[in-house]
Amino acid sequence: MRVITIRFPDELAADARTESETEGESINQFVVHAVADTIKRRRAQRALHNMAKRRASMKAAGRVAPPSEALIRQLREGVDRRD
């Protein structure tokens, strides 16, 4: 595990400490969870953006895009992920 020093604005640091204490977790746990959640959300947004681009290029080429529900399920379960 790495130790990383991060500078926070005073108000944000105080809010993070208050939230972590309210939830009964350390400030470290709070920040680690927040970063992990942000990474997960951004990866999902990129995946959806890539699916939309692929669908648009297929439509422009006159091809029919397959339904994306199965792909979304696979990505949620971690099957065939490329990240």
C-alpha atoms as a PDB file:
ATOM      1  CA  MET A   1       0.000   0.000   0.000  1.00  0.00           C
ATOM      2  CA  ARG A   2       1.295   3.456  -0.864  1.00  0.00           C
ATOM      3  CA  VAL A   3       1.239   6.559   1.250  1.00  0.00           C
ATOM      4  CA  ILE A   4       0.176   9.635  -0.730  1.00  0.00           C
ATOM      5  CA  THR A   5       0.053  13.203   0.529  1.00  0.00           C
ATOM      6  CA  ILE A   6      -2.897  15.167  -0.798  1.00  0.00           C
ATOM      7  CA  ARG A   7      -3.634  18.842  -0.192  1.00  0.00           C
ATOM      8  CA  PHE A   8      -7.291  19.722   0.401  1.00  0.00           C
ATOM      9  CA  PRO A   9      -8.891  23.132   0.731  1.00  0.00           C
ATOM     10  CA  ASP A  10      -9.642  23.711   4.430  1.00  0.00           C
ATOM     11  CA  GLU A  11     -13.422  23.629   4.022  1.00  0.00           C
ATOM     12  CA  LEU A  12     -13.370  20.435   1.958  1.00  0.00           C
ATOM     13  CA  ALA A  13     -11.059  18.746   4.473  1.00  0.00           C
ATOM     14  CA  ALA A  14     -13.395  19.730   7.327  1.00  0.00           C
ATOM     15  CA  ASP A  15     -16.427  18.427   5.417  1.00  0.00           C
ATOM     16  CA  ALA A  16     -14.645  15.143   4.661  1.00  0.00           C
ATOM     17  CA  ARG A  17     -13.660  14.698   8.295  1.00  0.00           C
ATOM     18  CA  THR A  18     -17.231  15.411   9.453  1.00  0.00           C
ATOM     19  CA  GLU A  19     -18.688  12.946   6.930  1.00  0.00           C
ATOM     20  CA  SER A  20     -16.200  10.232   7.819  1.00  0.00           C
ATOM     21  CA  GLU A  21     -16.855  10.652  11.545  1.00  0.00           C
ATOM     22  CA  THR A  22     -20.609  10.595  10.952  1.00  0.00           C
ATOM     23  CA  GLU A  23     -20.223   7.263   9.153  1.00  0.00           C
ATOM     24  CA  GLY A  24     -17.837   5.922  11.782  1.00  0.00           C
ATOM     25  CA  GLU A  25     -14.897   5.507   9.425  1.00  0.00           C
ATOM     26  CA  SER A  26     -11.432   6.988   9.265  1.00  0.00           C
ATOM     27  CA  ILE A  27     -10.701   9.899   6.982  1.00  0.00           C
ATOM     28  CA  ASN A  28      -8.440   7.525   5.034  1.00  0.00           C
ATOM     29  CA  GLN A  29     -11.282   5.032   4.492  1.00  0.00           C
ATOM     30  CA  PHE A  30     -13.571   7.866   3.452  1.00  0.00           C
ATOM     31  CA  VAL A  31     -11.116   9.217   0.852  1.00  0.00           C
ATOM     32  CA  VAL A  32     -10.256   5.738  -0.479  1.00  0.00           C
ATOM     33  CA  HIS A  33     -13.964   4.939  -0.934  1.00  0.00           C
ATOM     34  CA  ALA A  34     -14.615   8.307  -2.568  1.00  0.00           C
ATOM     35  CA  VAL A  35     -11.757   7.852  -5.042  1.00  0.00           C
ATOM     36  CA  ALA A  36     -12.777   4.251  -5.807  1.00  0.00           C
ATOM     37  CA  ASP A  37     -16.387   5.335  -6.415  1.00  0.00           C
ATOM     38  CA  THR A  38     -15.263   8.147  -8.714  1.00  0.00           C
ATOM     39  CA  ILE A  39     -13.041   5.812 -10.740  1.00  0.00           C
ATOM     40  CA  LYS A  40     -15.871   3.288 -11.075  1.00  0.00           C
ATOM     41  CA  ARG A  41     -18.317   5.991 -12.195  1.00  0.00           C
ATOM     42  CA  ARG A  42     -15.890   7.465 -14.733  1.00  0.00           C
ATOM     43  CA  ARG A  43     -15.129   4.050 -16.222  1.00  0.00           C
ATOM     44  CA  ALA A  44     -18.852   3.373 -16.575  1.00  0.00           C
ATOM     45  CA  GLN A  45     -19.346   6.749 -18.266  1.00  0.00           C
ATOM     46  CA  ARG A  46     -16.513   6.007 -20.717  1.00  0.00           C
ATOM     47  CA  ALA A  47     -17.962   2.580 -21.474  1.00  0.00           C
ATOM     48  CA  LEU A  48     -21.385   4.075 -22.196  1.00  0.00           C
ATOM     49  CA  HIS A  49     -19.798   6.774 -24.357  1.00  0.00           C
ATOM     50  CA  ASN A  50     -17.872   4.127 -26.323  1.00  0.00           C
ATOM     51  CA  MET A  51     -21.054   2.084 -26.807  1.00  0.00           C
ATOM     52  CA  ALA A  52     -22.884   5.169 -28.094  1.00  0.00           C
ATOM     53  CA  LYS A  53     -20.039   5.935 -30.527  1.00  0.00           C
ATOM     54  CA  ARG A  54     -20.009   2.349 -31.768  1.00  0.00           C
ATOM     55  CA  ARG A  55     -23.784   2.357 -32.220  1.00  0.00           C
ATOM     56  CA  ALA A  56     -23.623   5.659 -34.134  1.00  0.00           C
ATOM     57  CA  SER A  57     -20.866   4.409 -36.454  1.00  0.00           C
ATOM     58  CA  MET A  58     -22.800   1.199 -37.121  1.00  0.00           C
ATOM     59  CA  LYS A  59     -25.941   3.178 -37.844  1.00  0.00           C
ATOM     60  CA  ALA A  60     -24.022   5.473 -40.213  1.00  0.00           C
ATOM     61  CA  ALA A  61     -22.710   2.411 -42.043  1.00  0.00           C
ATOM     62  CA  GLY A  62     -26.238   1.065 -42.393  1.00  0.00           C
ATOM     63  CA  ARG A  63     -25.722  -1.800 -39.969  1.00  0.00           C
ATOM     64  CA  VAL A  64     -27.951  -2.635 -37.057  1.00  0.00           C
ATOM     65  CA  ALA A  65     -26.311  -2.419 -33.649  1.00  0.00           C
ATOM     66  CA  PRO A  66     -26.981  -5.333 -31.337  1.00  0.00           C
ATOM     67  CA  PRO A  67     -28.861  -4.611 -28.111  1.00  0.00           C
ATOM     68  CA  SER A  68     -26.447  -3.349 -25.458  1.00  0.00           C
ATOM     69  CA  GLU A  69     -28.193  -4.835 -22.405  1.00  0.00           C
ATOM     70  CA  ALA A  70     -26.178  -8.065 -22.519  1.00  0.00           C
ATOM     71  CA  LEU A  71     -22.920  -6.134 -22.864  1.00  0.00           C
ATOM     72  CA  ILE A  72     -23.829  -3.896 -19.930  1.00  0.00           C
ATOM     73  CA  ARG A  73     -24.583  -6.970 -17.799  1.00  0.00           C
ATOM     74  CA  GLN A  74     -21.227  -8.502 -18.740  1.00  0.00           C
ATOM     75  CA  LEU A  75     -19.371  -5.292 -17.873  1.00  0.00           C
ATOM     76  CA  ARG A  76     -21.107  -5.085 -14.497  1.00  0.00           C
ATOM     77  CA  GLU A  77     -20.047  -8.656 -13.767  1.00  0.00           C
ATOM     78  CA  GLY A  78     -16.494  -7.975 -14.952  1.00  0.00           C
ATOM     79  CA  VAL A  79     -16.682 -10.340 -17.960  1.00  0.00           C
ATOM     80  CA  ASP A  80     -14.411  -9.349 -20.871  1.00  0.00           C
ATOM     81  CA  ARG A  81     -13.457  -5.984 -19.305  1.00  0.00           C
ATOM     82  CA  ARG A  82     -10.535  -4.213 -20.884  1.00  0.00           C
ATOM     83  CA  ASP A  83      -9.772  -1.557 -18.264  1.00  0.00           C
END
